[in-house]
Amino acid sequence: MTSGGTAGGKGQGRRSGCRVLVVFDFDRSLAEEDTDRWSMQLAGDKAKELWRSYRTSSCPHACWTDLMGATFAMSHEAGVTRSQFEEHMRSMVIHNDMATACRLLGEDSNVDCAILSDSNSVFIELILEKYGLQKVFKNVVTNPARFNDEGRLLIEHCHQHSCKRCPENLCKGAFMDTFLSEMAYSKVAYIGDGGGDVCAALSLVKGDTVLARDGYPLQKKLVQSSDLKADLSVWKDGTGVLDWMRTNVLLRE
């Protein structure tokens, strides 16, 4: 799934149905690290210099996704191969209890799981495959990516939108609206950490829960927001997410 509706608003009613929707951000949420930053460990000096220039007057790319596309091209020029990329990305870690939470949710016939991420499809697929989690997620929404015949990693914007709160390549609130228009859910939980998760969090309603990583931008922004209608729960690592899921989703009547 790679496109969605307009951002905001549609989720602002009472929940119905008997199913639960659990949506994960990927970087520093489902996975322990940020995939883009992890990939930059392979980058050449030229790519690293461009990457460090982001949000300065010397950087030609205003959008992070475009910046990553340029750094992938430079890494390819520097000799980084597809197999090196794949091996390196498979070395990224998902916390054991986070992986357990995903597996248990995937075994619950009344739960739908999804990923909403500003990473890319290649990185996410490699890491989910390593942990055997591909079949857990009904939807994986992210920036489409692929290796071309020369082994260069190419990345595209996820979709176009008009939301002023979100980066130009992805509005997570728009996709939350799409999920909620396709199925009636009794409860929604969103697990995230960053500023890009705010729009998704604000699309939730009373009775839903945002699980924000402790000390990260999402928690800080939501604590200050008067627009948050969902409950706010804070977690430090995968153990906290697993405990919350066991208490609030997996053990419900």
C-alpha atoms as a PDB file:
ATOM      1  CA  MET A   1       0.000   0.000   0.000  1.00  0.00           C
ATOM      2  CA  THR A   2       1.631   3.253  -1.111  1.00  0.00           C
ATOM      3  CA  SER A   3      -0.985   5.976  -1.401  1.00  0.00           C
ATOM      4  CA  GLY A   4      -3.689   7.470   0.781  1.00  0.00           C
ATOM      5  CA  GLY A   5      -6.303  10.138   1.295  1.00  0.00           C
ATOM      6  CA  THR A   6      -6.222  13.634   2.686  1.00  0.00           C
ATOM      7  CA  ALA A   7      -4.713  14.353   6.073  1.00  0.00           C
ATOM      8  CA  GLY A   8      -6.555  14.762   9.330  1.00  0.00           C
ATOM      9  CA  GLY A   9     -10.097  14.821  10.565  1.00  0.00           C
ATOM     10  CA  LYS A  10     -11.743  11.544   9.585  1.00  0.00           C
ATOM     11  CA  GLY A  11     -10.849   9.716  12.771  1.00  0.00           C
ATOM     12  CA  GLN A  12     -12.575  12.174  15.090  1.00  0.00           C
ATOM     13  CA  GLY A  13     -15.619  10.052  16.004  1.00  0.00           C
ATOM     14  CA  ARG A  14     -16.579   7.157  18.221  1.00  0.00           C
ATOM     15  CA  ARG A  15     -15.074   3.748  17.495  1.00  0.00           C
ATOM     16  CA  SER A  16     -17.191   0.751  16.505  1.00  0.00           C
ATOM     17  CA  GLY A  17     -16.544  -2.856  15.583  1.00  0.00           C
ATOM     18  CA  CYS A  18     -14.670  -5.528  17.523  1.00  0.00           C
ATOM     19  CA  ARG A  19     -11.215  -5.452  15.932  1.00  0.00           C
ATOM     20  CA  VAL A  20      -8.099  -3.623  17.149  1.00  0.00           C
ATOM     21  CA  LEU A  21      -5.678  -1.755  14.899  1.00  0.00           C
ATOM     22  CA  VAL A  22      -2.026  -1.505  16.002  1.00  0.00           C
ATOM     23  CA  VAL A  23       0.180   0.763  13.903  1.00  0.00           C
ATOM     24  CA  PHE A  24       3.954   0.951  14.262  1.00  0.00           C
ATOM     25  CA  ASP A  25       6.399   3.565  13.148  1.00  0.00           C
ATOM     26  CA  PHE A  26       9.581   1.718  12.143  1.00  0.00           C
ATOM     27  CA  ASP A  27      12.731   3.749  12.865  1.00  0.00           C
ATOM     28  CA  ARG A  28      13.542   3.852  16.600  1.00  0.00           C
ATOM     29  CA  SER A  29      10.102   2.399  17.254  1.00  0.00           C
ATOM     30  CA  LEU A  30       9.614  -1.108  15.921  1.00  0.00           C
ATOM     31  CA  ALA A  31      13.369  -1.237  15.158  1.00  0.00           C
ATOM     32  CA  GLU A  32      15.883   0.003  17.702  1.00  0.00           C
ATOM     33  CA  GLU A  33      17.780   2.309  15.338  1.00  0.00           C
ATOM     34  CA  ASP A  34      17.090   4.698  12.461  1.00  0.00           C
ATOM     35  CA  THR A  35      17.457   2.846   9.143  1.00  0.00           C
ATOM     36  CA  ASP A  36      18.726   5.850   7.182  1.00  0.00           C
ATOM     37  CA  ARG A  37      21.387   6.668   9.747  1.00  0.00           C
ATOM     38  CA  TRP A  38      22.314   2.984   9.937  1.00  0.00           C
ATOM     39  CA  SER A  39      22.750   2.861   6.159  1.00  0.00           C
ATOM     40  CA  MET A  40      25.022   5.903   6.260  1.00  0.00           C
ATOM     41  CA  GLN A  41      27.663   3.842   8.052  1.00  0.00           C
ATOM     42  CA  LEU A  42      28.414   2.460   4.580  1.00  0.00           C
ATOM     43  CA  ALA A  43      28.450   5.814   2.825  1.00  0.00           C
ATOM     44  CA  GLY A  44      31.509   7.399   1.291  1.00  0.00           C
ATOM     45  CA  ASP A  45      32.938  10.700   2.483  1.00  0.00           C
ATOM     46  CA  LYS A  46      31.132  12.710  -0.215  1.00  0.00           C
ATOM     47  CA  ALA A  47      27.752  11.268   0.785  1.00  0.00           C
ATOM     48  CA  LYS A  48      28.418  11.827   4.473  1.00  0.00           C
ATOM     49  CA  GLU A  49      29.344  15.446   3.796  1.00  0.00           C
ATOM     50  CA  LEU A  50      26.067  16.014   1.925  1.00  0.00           C
ATOM     51  CA  TRP A  51      24.123  14.252   4.670  1.00  0.00           C
ATOM     52  CA  ARG A  52      25.681  16.481   7.358  1.00  0.00           C
ATOM     53  CA  SER A  53      24.678  19.564   5.346  1.00  0.00           C
ATOM     54  CA  TYR A  54      20.946  18.822   5.634  1.00  0.00           C
ATOM     55  CA  ARG A  55      18.911  21.881   6.683  1.00  0.00           C
ATOM     56  CA  THR A  56      21.810  24.212   5.938  1.00  0.00           C
ATOM     57  CA  SER A  57      22.045  26.698   3.075  1.00  0.00           C
ATOM     58  CA  SER A  58      24.600  24.476   1.335  1.00  0.00           C
ATOM     59  CA  CYS A  59      22.251  21.464   1.035  1.00  0.00           C
ATOM     60  CA  PRO A  60      20.394  21.279  -2.319  1.00  0.00           C
ATOM     61  CA  HIS A  61      17.678  18.956  -0.922  1.00  0.00           C
ATOM     62  CA  ALA A  62      14.874  20.309   1.275  1.00  0.00           C
ATOM     63  CA  CYS A  63      13.185  16.891   1.619  1.00  0.00           C
ATOM     64  CA  TRP A  64      14.900  14.170   3.641  1.00  0.00           C
ATOM     65  CA  THR A  65      13.812  11.452   1.185  1.00  0.00           C
ATOM     66  CA  ASP A  66      15.450  13.315  -1.703  1.00  0.00           C
ATOM     67  CA  LEU A  67      18.585  13.733   0.394  1.00  0.00           C
ATOM     68  CA  MET A  68      18.711   9.982   1.013  1.00  0.00           C
ATOM     69  CA  GLY A  69      18.246   9.292  -2.695  1.00  0.00           C
ATOM     70  CA  ALA A  70      21.242  11.471  -3.424  1.00  0.00           C
ATOM     71  CA  THR A  71      23.377   9.821  -0.753  1.00  0.00           C
ATOM     72  CA  PHE A  72      22.428   6.362  -2.051  1.00  0.00           C
ATOM     73  CA  ALA A  73      23.649   7.453  -5.489  1.00  0.00           C
ATOM     74  CA  MET A  74      26.913   8.701  -4.018  1.00  0.00           C
ATOM     75  CA  SER A  75      27.382   5.500  -2.048  1.00  0.00           C
ATOM     76  CA  HIS A  76      26.939   3.526  -5.262  1.00  0.00           C
ATOM     77  CA  GLU A  77      29.533   5.697  -6.992  1.00  0.00           C
ATOM     78  CA  ALA A  78      31.879   5.053  -4.074  1.00  0.00           C
ATOM     79  CA  GLY A  79      31.588   1.296  -4.656  1.00  0.00           C
ATOM     80  CA  VAL A  80      28.978   0.205  -2.089  1.00  0.00           C
ATOM     81  CA  THR A  81      27.257  -2.849  -3.574  1.00  0.00           C
ATOM     82  CA  ARG A  82      23.729  -4.182  -3.212  1.00  0.00           C
ATOM     83  CA  SER A  83      24.954  -7.177  -1.213  1.00  0.00           C
ATOM     84  CA  GLN A  84      26.844  -4.866   1.166  1.00  0.00           C
ATOM     85  CA  PHE A  85      23.705  -2.775   1.697  1.00  0.00           C
ATOM     86  CA  GLU A  86      21.572  -5.848   2.314  1.00  0.00           C
ATOM     87  CA  GLU A  87      24.018  -7.472   4.721  1.00  0.00           C
ATOM     88  CA  HIS A  88      24.482  -4.237   6.638  1.00  0.00           C
ATOM     89  CA  MET A  89      20.749  -3.512   6.971  1.00  0.00           C
ATOM     90  CA  ARG A  90      20.077  -7.055   8.196  1.00  0.00           C
ATOM     91  CA  SER A  91      22.428  -6.320  11.089  1.00  0.00           C
ATOM     92  CA  MET A  92      19.932  -3.802  12.519  1.00  0.00           C
ATOM     93  CA  VAL A  93      18.236  -4.938  15.720  1.00  0.00           C
ATOM     94  CA  ILE A  94      14.620  -5.299  16.779  1.00  0.00           C
ATOM     95  CA  HIS A  95      14.356  -5.603  20.562  1.00  0.00           C
ATOM     96  CA  ASN A  96      13.481  -9.195  21.529  1.00  0.00           C
ATOM     97  CA  ASP A  97      10.327  -8.150  23.368  1.00  0.00           C
ATOM     98  CA  MET A  98       9.249  -5.886  20.502  1.00  0.00           C
ATOM     99  CA  ALA A  99       9.584  -8.848  18.133  1.00  0.00           C
ATOM    100  CA  THR A 100       7.597 -10.971  20.598  1.00  0.00           C
ATOM    101  CA  ALA A 101       4.874  -8.326  20.769  1.00  0.00           C
ATOM    102  CA  CYS A 102       4.621  -8.318  16.973  1.00  0.00           C
ATOM    103  CA  ARG A 103       4.408 -12.110  16.783  1.00  0.00           C
ATOM    104  CA  LEU A 104       1.697 -12.285  19.457  1.00  0.00           C
ATOM    105  CA  LEU A 105      -0.317  -9.540  17.788  1.00  0.00           C
ATOM    106  CA  GLY A 106       0.026 -11.341  14.475  1.00  0.00           C
ATOM    107  CA  GLU A 107      -1.396 -14.512  16.020  1.00  0.00           C
ATOM    108  CA  ASP A 108      -4.486 -12.684  17.332  1.00  0.00           C
ATOM    109  CA  SER A 109      -7.250 -12.988  14.735  1.00  0.00           C
ATOM    110  CA  ASN A 110      -8.951  -9.835  16.050  1.00  0.00           C
ATOM    111  CA  VAL A 111      -5.899  -7.589  15.569  1.00  0.00           C
ATOM    112  CA  ASP A 112      -4.678  -5.888  12.409  1.00  0.00           C
ATOM    113  CA  CYS A 113      -1.098  -4.588  12.378  1.00  0.00           C
ATOM    114  CA  ALA A 114       0.401  -1.994  10.063  1.00  0.00           C
ATOM    115  CA  ILE A 115       3.636  -0.063   9.613  1.00  0.00           C
ATOM    116  CA  LEU A 116       3.708   3.661   8.775  1.00  0.00           C
ATOM    117  CA  SER A 117       7.290   4.692   8.151  1.00  0.00           C
ATOM    118  CA  ASP A 118       9.423   7.361   6.494  1.00  0.00           C
ATOM    119  CA  SER A 119      12.119   4.734   5.887  1.00  0.00           C
ATOM    120  CA  ASN A 120      11.842   2.752   2.640  1.00  0.00           C
ATOM    121  CA  SER A 121      10.446  -0.557   1.440  1.00  0.00           C
ATOM    122  CA  VAL A 122      13.843  -2.211   0.849  1.00  0.00           C
ATOM    123  CA  PHE A 123      15.176  -1.549   4.348  1.00  0.00           C
ATOM    124  CA  ILE A 124      11.955  -2.539   6.097  1.00  0.00           C
ATOM    125  CA  GLU A 125      11.530  -5.740   4.084  1.00  0.00           C
ATOM    126  CA  LEU A 126      15.116  -6.838   4.802  1.00  0.00           C
ATOM    127  CA  ILE A 127      14.750  -6.344   8.554  1.00  0.00           C
ATOM    128  CA  LEU A 128      11.273  -7.884   8.835  1.00  0.00           C
ATOM    129  CA  GLU A 129      12.499 -10.873   6.836  1.00  0.00           C
ATOM    130  CA  LYS A 130      15.435 -11.352   9.209  1.00  0.00           C
ATOM    131  CA  TYR A 131      13.017 -11.631  12.158  1.00  0.00           C
ATOM    132  CA  GLY A 132      10.308 -13.570  10.310  1.00  0.00           C
ATOM    133  CA  LEU A 133       7.759 -10.790  10.797  1.00  0.00           C
ATOM    134  CA  GLN A 134       6.661 -10.114   7.211  1.00  0.00           C
ATOM    135  CA  LYS A 135       3.252 -11.806   7.586  1.00  0.00           C
ATOM    136  CA  VAL A 136       2.377  -9.924  10.783  1.00  0.00           C
ATOM    137  CA  PHE A 137       1.563  -6.681   8.970  1.00  0.00           C
ATOM    138  CA  LYS A 138      -1.566  -6.183   6.890  1.00  0.00           C
ATOM    139  CA  ASN A 139      -0.173  -2.929   5.481  1.00  0.00           C
ATOM    140  CA  VAL A 140       3.337  -1.513   5.194  1.00  0.00           C
ATOM    141  CA  VAL A 141       3.245   2.127   4.108  1.00  0.00           C
ATOM    142  CA  THR A 142       6.602   3.706   3.326  1.00  0.00           C
ATOM    143  CA  ASN A 143       8.674   5.259   0.558  1.00  0.00           C
ATOM    144  CA  PRO A 144       8.977   2.784  -2.356  1.00  0.00           C
ATOM    145  CA  ALA A 145      12.557   1.707  -3.070  1.00  0.00           C
ATOM    146  CA  ARG A 146      14.362  -0.770  -5.297  1.00  0.00           C
ATOM    147  CA  PHE A 147      17.809  -1.653  -6.548  1.00  0.00           C
ATOM    148  CA  ASN A 148      18.343  -1.025 -10.257  1.00  0.00           C
ATOM    149  CA  ASP A 149      20.266  -3.357 -12.550  1.00  0.00           C
ATOM    150  CA  GLU A 150      23.524  -1.649 -11.602  1.00  0.00           C
ATOM    151  CA  GLY A 151      22.940  -2.218  -7.890  1.00  0.00           C
ATOM    152  CA  ARG A 152      22.094   1.384  -7.022  1.00  0.00           C
ATOM    153  CA  LEU A 153      19.332   1.897  -4.468  1.00  0.00           C
ATOM    154  CA  LEU A 154      16.553   4.142  -5.800  1.00  0.00           C
ATOM    155  CA  ILE A 155      13.879   5.736  -3.588  1.00  0.00           C
ATOM    156  CA  GLU A 156      10.629   7.593  -4.352  1.00  0.00           C
ATOM    157  CA  HIS A 157       8.185   9.687  -2.341  1.00  0.00           C
ATOM    158  CA  CYS A 158       5.408   7.660  -0.739  1.00  0.00           C
ATOM    159  CA  HIS A 159       2.639   9.945  -2.008  1.00  0.00           C
ATOM    160  CA  GLN A 160       1.556  13.538  -2.531  1.00  0.00           C
ATOM    161  CA  HIS A 161      -0.488  15.416   0.052  1.00  0.00           C
ATOM    162  CA  SER A 162      -1.403  18.898   1.250  1.00  0.00           C
ATOM    163  CA  CYS A 163      -0.825  18.525   5.001  1.00  0.00           C
ATOM    164  CA  LYS A 164       1.261  21.413   6.365  1.00  0.00           C
ATOM    165  CA  ARG A 165       2.311  19.476   9.469  1.00  0.00           C
ATOM    166  CA  CYS A 166       4.108  16.647   7.646  1.00  0.00           C
ATOM    167  CA  PRO A 167       7.130  16.273   5.347  1.00  0.00           C
ATOM    168  CA  GLU A 168       6.265  16.556   1.657  1.00  0.00           C
ATOM    169  CA  ASN A 169       6.740  12.848   0.921  1.00  0.00           C
ATOM    170  CA  LEU A 170       4.490  11.356   3.633  1.00  0.00           C
ATOM    171  CA  CYS A 171       1.522  12.359   5.769  1.00  0.00           C
ATOM    172  CA  LYS A 172       0.933   9.603   8.301  1.00  0.00           C
ATOM    173  CA  GLY A 173      -2.378  11.130   9.361  1.00  0.00           C
ATOM    174  CA  ALA A 174      -3.713  10.651   5.826  1.00  0.00           C
ATOM    175  CA  PHE A 175      -2.942   6.948   5.933  1.00  0.00           C
ATOM    176  CA  MET A 176      -4.458   6.564   9.396  1.00  0.00           C
ATOM    177  CA  ASP A 177      -7.628   8.052   7.915  1.00  0.00           C
ATOM    178  CA  THR A 178      -7.438   5.524   5.088  1.00  0.00           C
ATOM    179  CA  PHE A 179      -7.012   2.593   7.474  1.00  0.00           C
ATOM    180  CA  LEU A 180      -9.974   3.740   9.549  1.00  0.00           C
ATOM    181  CA  SER A 181     -12.197   4.251   6.502  1.00  0.00           C
ATOM    182  CA  GLU A 182     -11.558   0.689   5.334  1.00  0.00           C
ATOM    183  CA  MET A 183     -12.418  -1.133   8.579  1.00  0.00           C
ATOM    184  CA  ALA A 184     -14.326  -0.436  11.799  1.00  0.00           C
ATOM    185  CA  TYR A 185     -12.085  -0.787  14.870  1.00  0.00           C
ATOM    186  CA  SER A 186     -13.003  -0.765  18.549  1.00  0.00           C
ATOM    187  CA  LYS A 187      -9.553   0.555  19.507  1.00  0.00           C
ATOM    188  CA  VAL A 188      -6.441   1.910  17.811  1.00  0.00           C
ATOM    189  CA  ALA A 189      -2.892   1.989  19.182  1.00  0.00           C
ATOM    190  CA  TYR A 190      -0.055   3.899  17.541  1.00  0.00           C
ATOM    191  CA  ILE A 191       3.601   3.286  18.470  1.00  0.00           C
ATOM    192  CA  GLY A 192       6.090   6.000  17.498  1.00  0.00           C
ATOM    193  CA  ASP A 193       8.907   8.278  18.507  1.00  0.00           C
ATOM    194  CA  GLY A 194       9.400  11.225  16.171  1.00  0.00           C
ATOM    195  CA  GLY A 195       7.906  14.483  15.002  1.00  0.00           C
ATOM    196  CA  GLY A 196       6.692  12.762  11.839  1.00  0.00           C
ATOM    197  CA  ASP A 197       4.334  10.690  14.002  1.00  0.00           C
ATOM    198  CA  VAL A 198       2.423  13.677  15.397  1.00  0.00           C
ATOM    199  CA  CYS A 199      -0.170  13.834  12.609  1.00  0.00           C
ATOM    200  CA  ALA A 200      -0.995  10.147  13.035  1.00  0.00           C
ATOM    201  CA  ALA A 201      -1.248  10.582  16.799  1.00  0.00           C
ATOM    202  CA  LEU A 202      -3.631  13.507  16.486  1.00  0.00           C
ATOM    203  CA  SER A 203      -5.918  11.506  14.181  1.00  0.00           C
ATOM    204  CA  LEU A 204      -6.810   9.199  17.085  1.00  0.00           C
ATOM    205  CA  VAL A 205      -9.798   9.642  19.386  1.00  0.00           C
ATOM    206  CA  LYS A 206     -10.723   9.115  23.027  1.00  0.00           C
ATOM    207  CA  GLY A 207     -10.241   5.455  23.914  1.00  0.00           C
ATOM    208  CA  ASP A 208      -7.329   5.050  21.511  1.00  0.00           C
ATOM    209  CA  THR A 209      -3.730   5.144  22.733  1.00  0.00           C
ATOM    210  CA  VAL A 210      -0.512   6.695  21.479  1.00  0.00           C
ATOM    211  CA  LEU A 211       2.566   4.864  22.748  1.00  0.00           C
ATOM    212  CA  ALA A 212       5.349   7.458  22.549  1.00  0.00           C
ATOM    213  CA  ARG A 213       8.982   6.570  23.185  1.00  0.00           C
ATOM    214  CA  ASP A 214      10.284   8.189  26.358  1.00  0.00           C
ATOM    215  CA  GLY A 215      12.418  11.277  25.790  1.00  0.00           C
ATOM    216  CA  TYR A 216      11.875  11.434  22.026  1.00  0.00           C
ATOM    217  CA  PRO A 217      10.211  14.264  20.027  1.00  0.00           C
ATOM    218  CA  LEU A 218       6.752  12.654  19.774  1.00  0.00           C
ATOM    219  CA  GLN A 219       6.342  12.505  23.541  1.00  0.00           C
ATOM    220  CA  LYS A 220       7.598  16.072  23.972  1.00  0.00           C
ATOM    221  CA  LYS A 221       5.265  17.445  21.302  1.00  0.00           C
ATOM    222  CA  LEU A 222       2.171  15.595  22.516  1.00  0.00           C
ATOM    223  CA  VAL A 223       2.665  16.625  26.140  1.00  0.00           C
ATOM    224  CA  GLN A 224       2.426  20.221  24.921  1.00  0.00           C
ATOM    225  CA  SER A 225      -0.497  19.634  22.540  1.00  0.00           C
ATOM    226  CA  SER A 226      -4.076  20.569  23.341  1.00  0.00           C
ATOM    227  CA  ASP A 227      -5.283  18.668  20.263  1.00  0.00           C
ATOM    228  CA  LEU A 228      -4.468  15.150  21.487  1.00  0.00           C
ATOM    229  CA  LYS A 229      -7.679  13.207  22.210  1.00  0.00           C
ATOM    230  CA  ALA A 230      -6.196   9.721  22.665  1.00  0.00           C
ATOM    231  CA  ASP A 231      -4.534   8.443  25.829  1.00  0.00           C
ATOM    232  CA  LEU A 232      -0.762   8.882  25.993  1.00  0.00           C
ATOM    233  CA  SER A 233       1.430   6.029  27.228  1.00  0.00           C
ATOM    234  CA  VAL A 234       5.232   6.234  27.404  1.00  0.00           C
ATOM    235  CA  TRP A 235       7.654   3.373  26.737  1.00  0.00           C
ATOM    236  CA  LYS A 236      11.434   3.019  26.943  1.00  0.00           C
ATOM    237  CA  ASP A 237      12.078  -0.226  25.055  1.00  0.00           C
ATOM    238  CA  GLY A 238      10.353  -3.267  23.584  1.00  0.00           C
ATOM    239  CA  THR A 239       9.583  -4.668  27.025  1.00  0.00           C
ATOM    240  CA  GLY A 240       7.342  -1.697  27.751  1.00  0.00           C
ATOM    241  CA  VAL A 241       5.460  -2.150  24.482  1.00  0.00           C
ATOM    242  CA  LEU A 242       5.042  -5.889  25.059  1.00  0.00           C
ATOM    243  CA  ASP A 243       3.731  -5.307  28.591  1.00  0.00           C
ATOM    244  CA  TRP A 244       1.237  -2.708  27.339  1.00  0.00           C
ATOM    245  CA  MET A 245       0.015  -4.994  24.563  1.00  0.00           C
ATOM    246  CA  ARG A 246      -0.435  -7.916  26.939  1.00  0.00           C
ATOM    247  CA  THR A 247      -2.487  -5.789  29.311  1.00  0.00           C
ATOM    248  CA  ASN A 248      -4.536  -3.743  26.854  1.00  0.00           C
ATOM    249  CA  VAL A 249      -4.836  -5.756  23.637  1.00  0.00           C
ATOM    250  CA  LEU A 250      -3.846  -9.407  23.989  1.00  0.00           C
ATOM    251  CA  LEU A 251      -5.694 -10.028  27.275  1.00  0.00           C
ATOM    252  CA  ARG A 252      -8.874  -8.156  26.505  1.00  0.00           C
ATOM    253  CA  GLU A 253     -12.178  -9.995  26.820  1.00  0.00           C
END
